Amino acid sequence: MRTTLTLDDDLAAALKQRARQLEQPFDQVVNDTLRYGLSLGIPSPLPTYRVEPHHSGFRPGIDPTRMNQINDVPKPTN
């Protein structure tokens, strides 16, 4: 299929240089490059995470407003 395609100058220069290096026709290098790029596929989006809260209350007798007092209790010495 013949088509007209507008390439950025830097991209066209890189493709022409590659065609010279590989000693292949320009259109073959363009087709091979497009095939390779398309074979990589479209990257899948990152998975979404969902946080499901659950009840994780304190045990009876534990006062959450006094949790800082745990550090004030002296550690037993053996």
C-alpha atoms as a PDB file:
ATOM      1  CA  MET A   1       0.000   0.000   0.000  1.00  0.00           C
ATOM      2  CA  ARG A   2       1.311   3.408  -0.873  1.00  0.00           C
ATOM      3  CA  THR A   3       0.616   6.280   1.452  1.00  0.00           C
ATOM      4  CA  THR A   4       2.002   9.690   2.256  1.00  0.00           C
ATOM      5  CA  LEU A   5       3.457   9.965   5.721  1.00  0.00           C
ATOM      6  CA  THR A   6       4.924  13.034   7.401  1.00  0.00           C
ATOM      7  CA  LEU A   7       7.897  12.228   9.640  1.00  0.00           C
ATOM      8  CA  ASP A   8       9.659  14.540  12.060  1.00  0.00           C
ATOM      9  CA  ASP A   9      13.068  15.584  10.764  1.00  0.00           C
ATOM     10  CA  ASP A  10      15.011  13.806  13.512  1.00  0.00           C
ATOM     11  CA  LEU A  11      13.056  10.584  12.997  1.00  0.00           C
ATOM     12  CA  ALA A  12      13.523  10.669   9.230  1.00  0.00           C
ATOM     13  CA  ALA A  13      17.269  11.241   9.672  1.00  0.00           C
ATOM     14  CA  ALA A  14      17.550   8.334  12.125  1.00  0.00           C
ATOM     15  CA  LEU A  15      15.666   6.015   9.745  1.00  0.00           C
ATOM     16  CA  LYS A  16      17.820   7.075   6.782  1.00  0.00           C
ATOM     17  CA  GLN A  17      20.992   6.497   8.811  1.00  0.00           C
ATOM     18  CA  ARG A  18      19.755   3.053   9.853  1.00  0.00           C
ATOM     19  CA  ALA A  19      18.931   2.197   6.230  1.00  0.00           C
ATOM     20  CA  ARG A  20      22.506   3.114   5.237  1.00  0.00           C
ATOM     21  CA  GLN A  21      23.971   1.066   8.131  1.00  0.00           C
ATOM     22  CA  LEU A  22      21.910  -2.003   7.263  1.00  0.00           C
ATOM     23  CA  GLU A  23      22.287  -1.419   3.522  1.00  0.00           C
ATOM     24  CA  GLN A  24      18.540  -1.817   3.099  1.00  0.00           C
ATOM     25  CA  PRO A  25      15.951   0.328   1.311  1.00  0.00           C
ATOM     26  CA  PHE A  26      14.421   3.139   3.359  1.00  0.00           C
ATOM     27  CA  ASP A  27      10.871   1.783   3.051  1.00  0.00           C
ATOM     28  CA  GLN A  28      11.951  -1.640   4.319  1.00  0.00           C
ATOM     29  CA  VAL A  29      13.600  -0.104   7.383  1.00  0.00           C
ATOM     30  CA  VAL A  30      10.459   1.957   8.083  1.00  0.00           C
ATOM     31  CA  ASN A  31       8.234  -1.142   7.755  1.00  0.00           C
ATOM     32  CA  ASP A  32      10.514  -3.278   9.947  1.00  0.00           C
ATOM     33  CA  THR A  33      10.680  -0.554  12.578  1.00  0.00           C
ATOM     34  CA  LEU A  34       6.896  -0.168  12.633  1.00  0.00           C
ATOM     35  CA  ARG A  35       6.403  -3.937  12.830  1.00  0.00           C
ATOM     36  CA  TYR A  36       8.807  -4.174  15.740  1.00  0.00           C
ATOM     37  CA  GLY A  37       7.149  -1.281  17.556  1.00  0.00           C
ATOM     38  CA  LEU A  38       3.686  -2.739  17.080  1.00  0.00           C
ATOM     39  CA  SER A  39       4.798  -6.199  18.197  1.00  0.00           C
ATOM     40  CA  LEU A  40       5.734  -4.779  21.588  1.00  0.00           C
ATOM     41  CA  GLY A  41       2.074  -4.047  22.175  1.00  0.00           C
ATOM     42  CA  ILE A  42       0.491  -1.295  24.157  1.00  0.00           C
ATOM     43  CA  PRO A  43       1.598  -1.314  27.786  1.00  0.00           C
ATOM     44  CA  SER A  44      -1.234  -2.258  30.081  1.00  0.00           C
ATOM     45  CA  PRO A  45      -2.264   0.312  32.655  1.00  0.00           C
ATOM     46  CA  LEU A  46      -1.147  -0.202  36.214  1.00  0.00           C
ATOM     47  CA  PRO A  47      -3.549  -2.286  38.251  1.00  0.00           C
ATOM     48  CA  THR A  48      -5.924  -0.338  40.425  1.00  0.00           C
ATOM     49  CA  TYR A  49      -5.870  -1.001  44.122  1.00  0.00           C
ATOM     50  CA  ARG A  50      -8.862  -0.937  46.326  1.00  0.00           C
ATOM     51  CA  VAL A  51      -8.573  -0.564  50.072  1.00  0.00           C
ATOM     52  CA  GLU A  52     -11.252  -2.382  51.978  1.00  0.00           C
ATOM     53  CA  PRO A  53     -11.428  -1.148  55.564  1.00  0.00           C
ATOM     54  CA  HIS A  54     -12.368  -3.535  58.329  1.00  0.00           C
ATOM     55  CA  HIS A  55     -12.997  -3.154  62.015  1.00  0.00           C
ATOM     56  CA  SER A  56      -9.862  -3.651  64.035  1.00  0.00           C
ATOM     57  CA  GLY A  57     -10.801  -2.308  67.395  1.00  0.00           C
ATOM     58  CA  PHE A  58      -8.794  -2.584  70.594  1.00  0.00           C
ATOM     59  CA  ARG A  59      -9.312  -5.378  73.047  1.00  0.00           C
ATOM     60  CA  PRO A  60     -11.498  -4.645  76.056  1.00  0.00           C
ATOM     61  CA  GLY A  61      -9.602  -2.728  78.728  1.00  0.00           C
ATOM     62  CA  ILE A  62      -7.220  -0.987  76.279  1.00  0.00           C
ATOM     63  CA  ASP A  63      -7.696   2.765  76.154  1.00  0.00           C
ATOM     64  CA  PRO A  64      -6.388   4.038  72.787  1.00  0.00           C
ATOM     65  CA  THR A  65      -6.038   7.567  74.167  1.00  0.00           C
ATOM     66  CA  ARG A  66      -3.432   6.332  76.660  1.00  0.00           C
ATOM     67  CA  MET A  67      -1.215   4.355  74.241  1.00  0.00           C
ATOM     68  CA  ASN A  68       1.734   6.700  74.828  1.00  0.00           C
ATOM     69  CA  GLN A  69       1.876   5.510  78.442  1.00  0.00           C
ATOM     70  CA  ILE A  70       3.239   2.147  77.273  1.00  0.00           C
ATOM     71  CA  ASN A  71       6.611   3.833  76.750  1.00  0.00           C
ATOM     72  CA  ASP A  72       6.516   5.252  80.281  1.00  0.00           C
ATOM     73  CA  VAL A  73       6.266   1.832  81.947  1.00  0.00           C
ATOM     74  CA  PRO A  74       9.702   0.737  83.214  1.00  0.00           C
ATOM     75  CA  LYS A  75      10.977  -2.481  81.664  1.00  0.00           C
ATOM     76  CA  PRO A  76      11.594  -5.324  84.109  1.00  0.00           C
ATOM     77  CA  THR A  77      15.224  -6.199  84.779  1.00  0.00           C
ATOM     78  CA  ASN A  78      16.247  -9.816  85.047  1.00  0.00           C
END
